[in-house]
PDB file of N, CA and C in Angstrom:
ATOM      1  N   MET A   1     -33.784  19.746 -14.346  1.00  0.00           N
ATOM      2  CA  MET A   1     -34.437  18.759 -15.150  1.00  0.00           C
ATOM      3  C   MET A   1     -34.550  19.245 -16.602  1.00  0.00           C
ATOM      4  N   VAL A   2     -34.867  20.509 -16.764  1.00  0.00           N
ATOM      5  CA  VAL A   2     -34.990  21.069 -18.107  1.00  0.00           C
ATOM      6  C   VAL A   2     -33.635  21.078 -18.795  1.00  0.00           C
ATOM      7  N   PHE A   3     -32.586  21.387 -18.017  1.00  0.00           N
ATOM      8  CA  PHE A   3     -31.238  21.401 -18.577  1.00  0.00           C
ATOM      9  C   PHE A   3     -30.869  20.040 -19.144  1.00  0.00           C
ATOM     10  N   LEU A   4     -31.153  18.975 -18.393  1.00  0.00           N
ATOM     11  CA  LEU A   4     -30.801  17.631 -18.861  1.00  0.00           C
ATOM     12  C   LEU A   4     -31.583  17.263 -20.116  1.00  0.00           C
ATOM     13  N   ARG A   5     -32.862  17.643 -20.173  1.00  0.00           N
ATOM     14  CA  ARG A   5     -33.655  17.353 -21.364  1.00  0.00           C
ATOM     15  C   ARG A   5     -33.082  18.069 -22.582  1.00  0.00           C
ATOM     16  N   ASP A   6     -32.776  19.351 -22.412  1.00  0.00           N
ATOM     17  CA  ASP A   6     -32.220  20.114 -23.526  1.00  0.00           C
ATOM     18  C   ASP A   6     -30.847  19.591 -23.931  1.00  0.00           C
ATOM     19  N   PHE A   7     -30.063  19.182 -22.930  1.00  0.00           N
ATOM     20  CA  PHE A   7     -28.734  18.644 -23.201  1.00  0.00           C
ATOM     21  C   PHE A   7     -28.829  17.370 -24.028  1.00  0.00           C
ATOM     22  N   LYS A   8     -29.749  16.488 -23.672  1.00  0.00           N
ATOM     23  CA  LYS A   8     -29.904  15.231 -24.404  1.00  0.00           C
ATOM     24  C   LYS A   8     -30.426  15.477 -25.816  1.00  0.00           C
ATOM     25  N   LYS A   9     -31.308  16.456 -25.970  1.00  0.00           N
ATOM     26  CA  LYS A   9     -31.792  16.782 -27.310  1.00  0.00           C
ATOM     27  C   LYS A   9     -30.660  17.308 -28.181  1.00  0.00           C
ATOM     28  N   LYS A  10     -29.817  18.155 -27.615  1.00  0.00           N
ATOM     29  CA  LYS A  10     -28.675  18.684 -28.364  1.00  0.00           C
ATOM     30  C   LYS A  10     -27.704  17.564 -28.711  1.00  0.00           C
ATOM     31  N   LEU A  11     -27.508  16.662 -27.752  1.00  0.00           N
ATOM     32  CA  LEU A  11     -26.579  15.561 -27.952  1.00  0.00           C
ATOM     33  C   LEU A  11     -27.019  14.684 -29.117  1.00  0.00           C
ATOM     34  N   LEU A  12     -28.306  14.438 -29.225  1.00  0.00           N
ATOM     35  CA  LEU A  12     -28.828  13.599 -30.299  1.00  0.00           C
ATOM     36  C   LEU A  12     -29.184  14.389 -31.547  1.00  0.00           C
ATOM     37  N   ASN A  13     -29.086  15.706 -31.463  1.00  0.00           N
ATOM     38  CA  ASN A  13     -29.399  16.589 -32.583  1.00  0.00           C
ATOM     39  C   ASN A  13     -30.853  16.397 -33.034  1.00  0.00           C
ATOM     40  N   LEU A  14     -31.756  16.349 -32.059  1.00  0.00           N
ATOM     41  CA  LEU A  14     -33.178  16.192 -32.340  1.00  0.00           C
ATOM     42  C   LEU A  14     -33.881  17.529 -32.187  1.00  0.00           C
ATOM     43  N   SER A  15     -34.830  17.798 -33.047  1.00  0.00           N
ATOM     44  CA  SER A  15     -35.638  19.007 -32.894  1.00  0.00           C
ATOM     45  C   SER A  15     -36.810  18.705 -31.968  1.00  0.00           C
ATOM     46  N   VAL A  16     -37.373  19.748 -31.382  1.00  0.00           N
ATOM     47  CA  VAL A  16     -38.505  19.576 -30.477  1.00  0.00           C
ATOM     48  C   VAL A  16     -39.696  19.000 -31.234  1.00  0.00           C
ATOM     49  N   PHE A  17     -39.915  19.451 -32.451  1.00  0.00           N
ATOM     50  CA  PHE A  17     -41.023  18.950 -33.259  1.00  0.00           C
ATOM     51  C   PHE A  17     -40.891  17.446 -33.477  1.00  0.00           C
ATOM     52  N   TYR A  18     -39.709  16.999 -33.807  1.00  0.00           N
ATOM     53  CA  TYR A  18     -39.477  15.579 -34.064  1.00  0.00           C
ATOM     54  C   TYR A  18     -39.715  14.753 -32.806  1.00  0.00           C
ATOM     55  N   VAL A  19     -39.241  15.251 -31.676  1.00  0.00           N
ATOM     56  CA  VAL A  19     -39.387  14.512 -30.421  1.00  0.00           C
ATOM     57  C   VAL A  19     -40.856  14.328 -30.080  1.00  0.00           C
ATOM     58  N   PHE A  20     -41.660  15.379 -30.198  1.00  0.00           N
ATOM     59  CA  PHE A  20     -43.065  15.274 -29.830  1.00  0.00           C
ATOM     60  C   PHE A  20     -43.908  14.600 -30.912  1.00  0.00           C
ATOM     61  N   GLN A  21     -43.523  14.733 -32.164  1.00  0.00           N
ATOM     62  CA  GLN A  21     -44.288  14.120 -33.250  1.00  0.00           C
ATOM     63  C   GLN A  21     -44.159  12.599 -33.212  1.00  0.00           C
ATOM     64  N   ILE A  22     -42.967  12.105 -33.075  1.00  0.00           N
ATOM     65  CA  ILE A  22     -42.736  10.662 -33.083  1.00  0.00           C
ATOM     66  C   ILE A  22     -43.039  10.051 -31.723  1.00  0.00           C
ATOM     67  N   GLY A  23     -42.947  10.831 -30.668  1.00  0.00           N
ATOM     68  CA  GLY A  23     -43.230  10.324 -29.330  1.00  0.00           C
ATOM     69  C   GLY A  23     -42.013   9.728 -28.657  1.00  0.00           C
ATOM     70  N   ILE A  24     -40.844  10.182 -29.028  1.00  0.00           N
ATOM     71  CA  ILE A  24     -39.625   9.679 -28.401  1.00  0.00           C
ATOM     72  C   ILE A  24     -39.504  10.279 -27.015  1.00  0.00           C
ATOM     73  N   SER A  25     -39.290   9.441 -26.044  1.00  0.00           N
ATOM     74  CA  SER A  25     -39.071   9.928 -24.686  1.00  0.00           C
ATOM     75  C   SER A  25     -37.580  10.137 -24.490  1.00  0.00           C
ATOM     76  N   ILE A  26     -37.203  11.371 -24.262  1.00  0.00           N
ATOM     77  CA  ILE A  26     -35.786  11.690 -24.084  1.00  0.00           C
ATOM     78  C   ILE A  26     -35.235  10.998 -22.841  1.00  0.00           C
ATOM     79  N   PHE A  27     -36.075  10.832 -21.827  1.00  0.00           N
ATOM     80  CA  PHE A  27     -35.594  10.267 -20.569  1.00  0.00           C
ATOM     81  C   PHE A  27     -35.455   8.751 -20.626  1.00  0.00           C
ATOM     82  N   SER A  28     -35.910   8.116 -21.693  1.00  0.00           N
ATOM     83  CA  SER A  28     -35.762   6.670 -21.800  1.00  0.00           C
ATOM     84  C   SER A  28     -34.485   6.279 -22.543  1.00  0.00           C
ATOM     85  N   LEU A  29     -33.625   7.237 -22.806  1.00  0.00           N
ATOM     86  CA  LEU A  29     -32.364   6.925 -23.478  1.00  0.00           C
ATOM     87  C   LEU A  29     -31.462   6.124 -22.553  1.00  0.00           C
ATOM     88  N   LYS A  30     -30.736   5.231 -23.116  1.00  0.00           N
ATOM     89  CA  LYS A  30     -29.846   4.378 -22.330  1.00  0.00           C
ATOM     90  C   LYS A  30     -28.487   5.054 -22.179  1.00  0.00           C
ATOM     91  N   VAL A  31     -28.445   6.106 -21.372  1.00  0.00           N
ATOM     92  CA  VAL A  31     -27.223   6.872 -21.172  1.00  0.00           C
ATOM     93  C   VAL A  31     -27.001   7.036 -19.678  1.00  0.00           C
ATOM     94  N   ALA A  32     -25.767   6.870 -19.244  1.00  0.00           N
ATOM     95  CA  ALA A  32     -25.437   7.061 -17.836  1.00  0.00           C
ATOM     96  C   ALA A  32     -25.593   8.534 -17.473  1.00  0.00           C
ATOM     97  N   PRO A  33     -25.876   8.823 -16.209  1.00  0.00           N
ATOM     98  CA  PRO A  33     -26.012  10.222 -15.794  1.00  0.00           C
ATOM     99  C   PRO A  33     -24.735  11.021 -16.067  1.00  0.00           C
ATOM    100  N   VAL A  34     -24.913  12.277 -16.393  1.00  0.00           N
ATOM    101  CA  VAL A  34     -23.791  13.142 -16.749  1.00  0.00           C
ATOM    102  C   VAL A  34     -22.819  13.271 -15.583  1.00  0.00           C
ATOM    103  N   ILE A  35     -23.333  13.353 -14.371  1.00  0.00           N
ATOM    104  CA  ILE A  35     -22.477  13.498 -13.191  1.00  0.00           C
ATOM    105  C   ILE A  35     -21.558  12.284 -13.050  1.00  0.00           C
ATOM    106  N   GLU A  36     -22.094  11.093 -13.275  1.00  0.00           N
ATOM    107  CA  GLU A  36     -21.266   9.887 -13.177  1.00  0.00           C
ATOM    108  C   GLU A  36     -20.193   9.864 -14.260  1.00  0.00           C
ATOM    109  N   LYS A  37     -20.541  10.317 -15.450  1.00  0.00           N
ATOM    110  CA  LYS A  37     -19.543  10.389 -16.526  1.00  0.00           C
ATOM    111  C   LYS A  37     -18.433  11.371 -16.170  1.00  0.00           C
ATOM    112  N   LEU A  38     -18.798  12.518 -15.591  1.00  0.00           N
ATOM    113  CA  LEU A  38     -17.793  13.500 -15.181  1.00  0.00           C
ATOM    114  C   LEU A  38     -16.867  12.931 -14.118  1.00  0.00           C
ATOM    115  N   ARG A  39     -17.438  12.232 -13.145  1.00  0.00           N
ATOM    116  CA  ARG A  39     -16.611  11.612 -12.102  1.00  0.00           C
ATOM    117  C   ARG A  39     -15.643  10.602 -12.706  1.00  0.00           C
ATOM    118  N   SER A  40     -16.137   9.808 -13.627  1.00  0.00           N
ATOM    119  CA  SER A  40     -15.297   8.802 -14.262  1.00  0.00           C
ATOM    120  C   SER A  40     -14.140   9.442 -15.025  1.00  0.00           C
ATOM    121  N   LYS A  41     -14.427  10.490 -15.775  1.00  0.00           N
ATOM    122  CA  LYS A  41     -13.372  11.170 -16.542  1.00  0.00           C
ATOM    123  C   LYS A  41     -12.373  11.868 -15.629  1.00  0.00           C
ATOM    124  N   ARG A  42     -12.863  12.451 -14.535  1.00  0.00           N
ATOM    125  CA  ARG A  42     -11.970  13.118 -13.590  1.00  0.00           C
ATOM    126  C   ARG A  42     -11.018  12.106 -12.949  1.00  0.00           C
ATOM    127  N   LEU A  43     -11.543  10.943 -12.565  1.00  0.00           N
ATOM    128  CA  LEU A  43     -10.689   9.912 -11.978  1.00  0.00           C
ATOM    129  C   LEU A  43      -9.737   9.319 -13.013  1.00  0.00           C
ATOM    130  N   ALA A  44     -10.168   9.211 -14.253  1.00  0.00           N
ATOM    131  CA  ALA A  44      -9.275   8.709 -15.304  1.00  0.00           C
ATOM    132  C   ALA A  44      -8.091   9.651 -15.494  1.00  0.00           C
ATOM    133  N   TRP A  45      -8.350  10.951 -15.501  1.00  0.00           N
ATOM    134  CA  TRP A  45      -7.265  11.926 -15.649  1.00  0.00           C
ATOM    135  C   TRP A  45      -6.338  11.892 -14.437  1.00  0.00           C
ATOM    136  N   PHE A  46      -6.907  11.759 -13.247  1.00  0.00           N
ATOM    137  CA  PHE A  46      -6.104  11.678 -12.028  1.00  0.00           C
ATOM    138  C   PHE A  46      -5.174  10.468 -12.080  1.00  0.00           C
ATOM    139  N   GLY A  47      -5.687   9.318 -12.493  1.00  0.00           N
ATOM    140  CA  GLY A  47      -4.856   8.127 -12.612  1.00  0.00           C
ATOM    141  C   GLY A  47      -3.769   8.298 -13.651  1.00  0.00           C
ATOM    142  N   HIS A  48      -4.097   8.952 -14.755  1.00  0.00           N
ATOM    143  CA  HIS A  48      -3.112   9.205 -15.813  1.00  0.00           C
ATOM    144  C   HIS A  48      -1.960  10.058 -15.284  1.00  0.00           C
ATOM    145  N   VAL A  49      -2.281  11.114 -14.559  1.00  0.00           N
ATOM    146  CA  VAL A  49      -1.243  12.003 -14.034  1.00  0.00           C
ATOM    147  C   VAL A  49      -0.412  11.294 -12.973  1.00  0.00           C
ATOM    148  N   MET A  50      -1.046  10.498 -12.125  1.00  0.00           N
ATOM    149  CA  MET A  50      -0.314   9.822 -11.052  1.00  0.00           C
ATOM    150  C   MET A  50       0.601   8.717 -11.580  1.00  0.00           C
ATOM    151  N   ARG A  51       0.309   8.147 -12.727  1.00  0.00           N
ATOM    152  CA  ARG A  51       1.166   7.099 -13.292  1.00  0.00           C
ATOM    153  C   ARG A  51       2.371   7.658 -14.028  1.00  0.00           C
ATOM    154  N   ARG A  52       2.385   8.933 -14.324  1.00  0.00           N
ATOM    155  CA  ARG A  52       3.511   9.529 -15.047  1.00  0.00           C
ATOM    156  C   ARG A  52       4.742   9.571 -14.151  1.00  0.00           C
ATOM    157  N   ASP A  53       5.904   9.643 -14.790  1.00  0.00           N
ATOM    158  CA  ASP A  53       7.139   9.780 -14.025  1.00  0.00           C
ATOM    159  C   ASP A  53       7.153  11.143 -13.355  1.00  0.00           C
ATOM    160  N   ASP A  54       8.257  11.511 -12.756  1.00  0.00           N
ATOM    161  CA  ASP A  54       8.339  12.792 -12.057  1.00  0.00           C
ATOM    162  C   ASP A  54       8.092  13.929 -13.036  1.00  0.00           C
ATOM    163  N   ASP A  55       6.843  14.246 -13.204  1.00  0.00           N
ATOM    164  CA  ASP A  55       6.403  15.266 -14.148  1.00  0.00           C
ATOM    165  C   ASP A  55       5.952  16.493 -13.364  1.00  0.00           C
ATOM    166  N   ILE A  56       5.960  17.640 -14.011  1.00  0.00           N
ATOM    167  CA  ILE A  56       5.578  18.883 -13.349  1.00  0.00           C
ATOM    168  C   ILE A  56       4.111  18.851 -12.925  1.00  0.00           C
ATOM    169  N   SER A  57       3.248  18.216 -13.724  1.00  0.00           N
ATOM    170  CA  SER A  57       1.832  18.164 -13.360  1.00  0.00           C
ATOM    171  C   SER A  57       1.611  17.329 -12.103  1.00  0.00           C
ATOM    172  N   LYS A  58       2.403  16.281 -11.931  1.00  0.00           N
ATOM    173  CA  LYS A  58       2.303  15.457 -10.730  1.00  0.00           C
ATOM    174  C   LYS A  58       2.782  16.237  -9.509  1.00  0.00           C
ATOM    175  N   LYS A  59       3.842  17.022  -9.677  1.00  0.00           N
ATOM    176  CA  LYS A  59       4.347  17.829  -8.568  1.00  0.00           C
ATOM    177  C   LYS A  59       3.352  18.913  -8.182  1.00  0.00           C
ATOM    178  N   VAL A  60       2.736  19.528  -9.170  1.00  0.00           N
ATOM    179  CA  VAL A  60       1.755  20.577  -8.888  1.00  0.00           C
ATOM    180  C   VAL A  60       0.541  19.995  -8.174  1.00  0.00           C
ATOM    181  N   MET A  61       0.145  18.786  -8.542  1.00  0.00           N
ATOM    182  CA  MET A  61      -1.011  18.178  -7.910  1.00  0.00           C
ATOM    183  C   MET A  61      -0.765  17.884  -6.433  1.00  0.00           C
ATOM    184  N   ARG A  62       0.463  17.576  -6.087  1.00  0.00           N
ATOM    185  CA  ARG A  62       0.793  17.280  -4.690  1.00  0.00           C
ATOM    186  C   ARG A  62       1.217  18.516  -3.904  1.00  0.00           C
ATOM    187  N   LEU A  63       1.271  19.650  -4.561  1.00  0.00           N
ATOM    188  CA  LEU A  63       1.722  20.885  -3.935  1.00  0.00           C
ATOM    189  C   LEU A  63       0.724  21.355  -2.883  1.00  0.00           C
ATOM    190  N   ASN A  64       1.245  21.774  -1.742  1.00  0.00           N
ATOM    191  CA  ASN A  64       0.416  22.319  -0.675  1.00  0.00           C
ATOM    192  C   ASN A  64       0.836  23.764  -0.459  1.00  0.00           C
ATOM    193  N   VAL A  65      -0.035  24.695  -0.747  1.00  0.00           N
ATOM    194  CA  VAL A  65       0.286  26.112  -0.662  1.00  0.00           C
ATOM    195  C   VAL A  65      -0.041  26.612   0.736  1.00  0.00           C
ATOM    196  N   ASP A  66       0.946  27.221   1.368  1.00  0.00           N
ATOM    197  CA  ASP A  66       0.734  27.816   2.680  1.00  0.00           C
ATOM    198  C   ASP A  66       0.439  29.292   2.507  1.00  0.00           C
ATOM    199  N   GLY A  67      -0.212  29.845   3.467  1.00  0.00           N
ATOM    200  CA  GLY A  67      -0.500  31.273   3.403  1.00  0.00           C
ATOM    201  C   GLY A  67      -1.823  31.590   4.062  1.00  0.00           C
ATOM    202  N   TYR A  68      -2.238  32.832   3.932  1.00  0.00           N
ATOM    203  CA  TYR A  68      -3.464  33.311   4.548  1.00  0.00           C
ATOM    204  C   TYR A  68      -4.676  32.707   3.855  1.00  0.00           C
ATOM    205  N   LYS A  69      -5.581  32.197   4.658  1.00  0.00           N
ATOM    206  CA  LYS A  69      -6.838  31.685   4.139  1.00  0.00           C
ATOM    207  C   LYS A  69      -7.941  32.609   4.627  1.00  0.00           C
ATOM    208  N   GLY A  70      -8.785  33.011   3.742  1.00  0.00           N
ATOM    209  CA  GLY A  70      -9.853  33.940   4.076  1.00  0.00           C
ATOM    210  C   GLY A  70     -10.872  33.337   5.028  1.00  0.00           C
ATOM    211  N   ARG A  71     -11.760  34.183   5.486  1.00  0.00           N
ATOM    212  CA  ARG A  71     -12.808  33.742   6.390  1.00  0.00           C
ATOM    213  C   ARG A  71     -13.875  32.976   5.619  1.00  0.00           C
ATOM    214  N   GLY A  72     -14.628  32.214   6.364  1.00  0.00           N
ATOM    215  CA  GLY A  72     -15.733  31.481   5.748  1.00  0.00           C
ATOM    216  C   GLY A  72     -15.322  30.088   5.299  1.00  0.00           C
ATOM    217  N   ARG A  73     -16.214  29.485   4.573  1.00  0.00           N
ATOM    218  CA  ARG A  73     -15.981  28.125   4.103  1.00  0.00           C
ATOM    219  C   ARG A  73     -14.898  28.127   3.039  1.00  0.00           C
ATOM    220  N   PRO A  74     -13.969  27.166   3.114  1.00  0.00           N
ATOM    221  CA  PRO A  74     -12.930  27.099   2.079  1.00  0.00           C
ATOM    222  C   PRO A  74     -13.529  26.741   0.722  1.00  0.00           C
ATOM    223  N   LYS A  75     -12.911  27.241  -0.321  1.00  0.00           N
ATOM    224  CA  LYS A  75     -13.381  26.953  -1.675  1.00  0.00           C
ATOM    225  C   LYS A  75     -13.084  25.500  -2.023  1.00  0.00           C
ATOM    226  N   LYS A  76     -13.949  24.920  -2.818  1.00  0.00           N
ATOM    227  CA  LYS A  76     -13.766  23.539  -3.235  1.00  0.00           C
ATOM    228  C   LYS A  76     -12.725  23.507  -4.343  1.00  0.00           C
ATOM    229  N   VAL A  77     -11.703  22.707  -4.145  1.00  0.00           N
ATOM    230  CA  VAL A  77     -10.633  22.603  -5.125  1.00  0.00           C
ATOM    231  C   VAL A  77     -10.714  21.243  -5.811  1.00  0.00           C
ATOM    232  N   TRP A  78      -9.963  21.093  -6.893  1.00  0.00           N
ATOM    233  CA  TRP A  78     -10.030  19.888  -7.708  1.00  0.00           C
ATOM    234  C   TRP A  78      -9.637  18.645  -6.911  1.00  0.00           C
ATOM    235  N   ASN A  79      -8.631  18.771  -6.054  1.00  0.00           N
ATOM    236  CA  ASN A  79      -8.194  17.618  -5.260  1.00  0.00           C
ATOM    237  C   ASN A  79      -9.295  17.140  -4.322  1.00  0.00           C
ATOM    238  N   ASP A  80     -10.066  18.061  -3.765  1.00  0.00           N
ATOM    239  CA  ASP A  80     -11.179  17.666  -2.904  1.00  0.00           C
ATOM    240  C   ASP A  80     -12.228  16.895  -3.698  1.00  0.00           C
ATOM    241  N   CYS A  81     -12.483  17.318  -4.917  1.00  0.00           N
ATOM    242  CA  CYS A  81     -13.439  16.606  -5.777  1.00  0.00           C
ATOM    243  C   CYS A  81     -12.941  15.197  -6.087  1.00  0.00           C
ATOM    244  N   VAL A  82     -11.652  15.066  -6.356  1.00  0.00           N
ATOM    245  CA  VAL A  82     -11.083  13.752  -6.667  1.00  0.00           C
ATOM    246  C   VAL A  82     -11.167  12.838  -5.449  1.00  0.00           C
ATOM    247  N   LYS A  83     -10.863  13.360  -4.275  1.00  0.00           N
ATOM    248  CA  LYS A  83     -10.954  12.544  -3.054  1.00  0.00           C
ATOM    249  C   LYS A  83     -12.382  12.079  -2.812  1.00  0.00           C
ATOM    250  N   GLU A  84     -13.339  12.960  -3.037  1.00  0.00           N
ATOM    251  CA  GLU A  84     -14.748  12.594  -2.876  1.00  0.00           C
ATOM    252  C   GLU A  84     -15.155  11.541  -3.912  1.00  0.00           C
ATOM    253  N   ASP A  85     -14.705  11.685  -5.143  1.00  0.00           N
ATOM    254  CA  ASP A  85     -15.009  10.697  -6.181  1.00  0.00           C
ATOM    255  C   ASP A  85     -14.392   9.341  -5.847  1.00  0.00           C
ATOM    256  N   MET A  86     -13.174   9.349  -5.331  1.00  0.00           N
ATOM    257  CA  MET A  86     -12.521   8.097  -4.950  1.00  0.00           C
ATOM    258  C   MET A  86     -13.279   7.424  -3.814  1.00  0.00           C
ATOM    259  N   ARG A  87     -13.769   8.210  -2.877  1.00  0.00           N
ATOM    260  CA  ARG A  87     -14.538   7.649  -1.768  1.00  0.00           C
ATOM    261  C   ARG A  87     -15.842   7.038  -2.282  1.00  0.00           C
ATOM    262  N   ARG A  88     -16.506   7.720  -3.196  1.00  0.00           N
ATOM    263  CA  ARG A  88     -17.764   7.203  -3.741  1.00  0.00           C
ATOM    264  C   ARG A  88     -17.572   5.920  -4.544  1.00  0.00           C
ATOM    265  N   LYS A  89     -16.487   5.842  -5.303  1.00  0.00           N
ATOM    266  CA  LYS A  89     -16.222   4.659  -6.124  1.00  0.00           C
ATOM    267  C   LYS A  89     -15.593   3.525  -5.321  1.00  0.00           C
ATOM    268  N   GLY A  90     -15.075   3.833  -4.128  1.00  0.00           N
ATOM    269  CA  GLY A  90     -14.456   2.805  -3.298  1.00  0.00           C
ATOM    270  C   GLY A  90     -13.080   2.399  -3.783  1.00  0.00           C
ATOM    271  N   VAL A  91     -12.338   3.344  -4.330  1.00  0.00           N
ATOM    272  CA  VAL A  91     -10.991   3.062  -4.809  1.00  0.00           C
ATOM    273  C   VAL A  91      -9.979   3.747  -3.903  1.00  0.00           C
ATOM    274  N   ASP A  92      -8.751   3.262  -3.973  1.00  0.00           N
ATOM    275  CA  ASP A  92      -7.680   3.758  -3.123  1.00  0.00           C
ATOM    276  C   ASP A  92      -6.611   4.421  -3.986  1.00  0.00           C
ATOM    277  N   PHE A  93      -5.826   5.280  -3.358  1.00  0.00           N
ATOM    278  CA  PHE A  93      -4.765   5.994  -4.061  1.00  0.00           C
ATOM    279  C   PHE A  93      -3.730   5.033  -4.642  1.00  0.00           C
ATOM    280  N   ASP A  94      -3.477   3.921  -3.964  1.00  0.00           N
ATOM    281  CA  ASP A  94      -2.472   2.958  -4.421  1.00  0.00           C
ATOM    282  C   ASP A  94      -2.893   2.232  -5.699  1.00  0.00           C
ATOM    283  N   MET A  95      -4.158   2.242  -6.006  1.00  0.00           N
ATOM    284  CA  MET A  95      -4.646   1.544  -7.198  1.00  0.00           C
ATOM    285  C   MET A  95      -4.285   2.273  -8.487  1.00  0.00           C
ATOM    286  N   THR A  96      -3.811   3.512  -8.403  1.00  0.00           N
ATOM    287  CA  THR A  96      -3.483   4.265  -9.615  1.00  0.00           C
ATOM    288  C   THR A  96      -2.286   3.680 -10.349  1.00  0.00           C
ATOM    289  N   ALA A  97      -1.459   2.904  -9.656  1.00  0.00           N
ATOM    290  CA  ALA A  97      -0.259   2.342 -10.282  1.00  0.00           C
ATOM    291  C   ALA A  97      -0.617   1.360 -11.397  1.00  0.00           C
ATOM    292  N   GLY A  98      -1.678   0.605 -11.227  1.00  0.00           N
ATOM    293  CA  GLY A  98      -2.096  -0.356 -12.244  1.00  0.00           C
ATOM    294  C   GLY A  98      -3.166   0.236 -13.140  1.00  0.00           C
ATOM    295  N   ARG A  99      -2.850   0.438 -14.398  1.00  0.00           N
ATOM    296  CA  ARG A  99      -3.784   1.108 -15.312  1.00  0.00           C
ATOM    297  C   ARG A  99      -5.063   0.311 -15.506  1.00  0.00           C
ATOM    298  N   ASP A 100      -4.944  -0.988 -15.725  1.00  0.00           N
ATOM    299  CA  ASP A 100      -6.124  -1.811 -15.976  1.00  0.00           C
ATOM    300  C   ASP A 100      -7.031  -1.884 -14.749  1.00  0.00           C
ATOM    301  N   VAL A 101      -6.425  -2.043 -13.585  1.00  0.00           N
ATOM    302  CA  VAL A 101      -7.207  -2.104 -12.344  1.00  0.00           C
ATOM    303  C   VAL A 101      -7.904  -0.771 -12.098  1.00  0.00           C
ATOM    304  N   TRP A 102      -7.178   0.320 -12.311  1.00  0.00           N
ATOM    305  CA  TRP A 102      -7.748   1.652 -12.086  1.00  0.00           C
ATOM    306  C   TRP A 102      -8.908   1.921 -13.044  1.00  0.00           C
ATOM    307  N   ARG A 103      -8.710   1.583 -14.301  1.00  0.00           N
ATOM    308  CA  ARG A 103      -9.759   1.854 -15.281  1.00  0.00           C
ATOM    309  C   ARG A 103     -11.000   1.008 -15.025  1.00  0.00           C
ATOM    310  N   SER A 104     -10.808  -0.259 -14.703  1.00  0.00           N
ATOM    311  CA  SER A 104     -11.971  -1.116 -14.472  1.00  0.00           C
ATOM    312  C   SER A 104     -12.738  -0.716 -13.218  1.00  0.00           C
ATOM    313  N   SER A 105     -12.061  -0.129 -12.244  1.00  0.00           N
ATOM    314  CA  SER A 105     -12.753   0.251 -11.013  1.00  0.00           C
ATOM    315  C   SER A 105     -13.353   1.650 -11.073  1.00  0.00           C
ATOM    316  N   THR A 106     -12.934   2.484 -12.025  1.00  0.00           N
ATOM    317  CA  THR A 106     -13.468   3.848 -12.100  1.00  0.00           C
ATOM    318  C   THR A 106     -14.321   4.092 -13.336  1.00  0.00           C
ATOM    319  N   TYR A 107     -14.382   3.168 -14.268  1.00  0.00           N
ATOM    320  CA  TYR A 107     -15.114   3.367 -15.523  1.00  0.00           C
ATOM    321  C   TYR A 107     -16.620   3.372 -15.276  1.00  0.00           C
ATOM    322  N   CYS A 108     -17.318   4.240 -15.963  1.00  0.00           N
ATOM    323  CA  CYS A 108     -18.778   4.339 -15.857  1.00  0.00           C
ATOM    324  C   CYS A 108     -19.378   3.977 -17.213  1.00  0.00           C
ATOM    325  N   ALA A 109     -19.967   2.802 -17.301  1.00  0.00           N
ATOM    326  CA  ALA A 109     -20.548   2.347 -18.567  1.00  0.00           C
ATOM    327  C   ALA A 109     -22.000   2.794 -18.673  1.00  0.00           C
ATOM    328  N   ASP A 110     -22.476   2.910 -19.897  1.00  0.00           N
ATOM    329  CA  ASP A 110     -23.883   3.234 -20.120  1.00  0.00           C
ATOM    330  C   ASP A 110     -24.729   2.004 -19.812  1.00  0.00           C
ATOM    331  N   PRO A 111     -25.909   2.190 -19.218  1.00  0.00           N
ATOM    332  CA  PRO A 111     -26.773   1.033 -18.946  1.00  0.00           C
ATOM    333  C   PRO A 111     -27.295   0.431 -20.246  1.00  0.00           C
ATOM    334  N   GLN A 112     -27.547  -0.840 -20.220  1.00  0.00           N
ATOM    335  CA  GLN A 112     -28.032  -1.540 -21.419  1.00  0.00           C
ATOM    336  C   GLN A 112     -29.528  -1.553 -21.477  1.00  0.00           C
TER     337      GLN A 112
END
């Protein structure tokens, strides 16, 4: 909670004195949560890469590395995050072909 308050103060370039003197509530700002913005940007980049022609970045993204996996829980990789974001937004892999459809379904707007 403290991190988000400090982050918003830095974002607006407000000093602590100014915030408390004027009585501005940092939490009443009309800004979407940072996590939602990150998800939106991650999905936007994923759609951008998937729409490209046979590019090296697209091949690397689909690459499946075989080999020894250590004990314990597997590490979270970028593809797992993208799959989770797609599940949360309710979008499908096939929607990446249409830029407008993909952007409208993954965009995170600030509340009014």
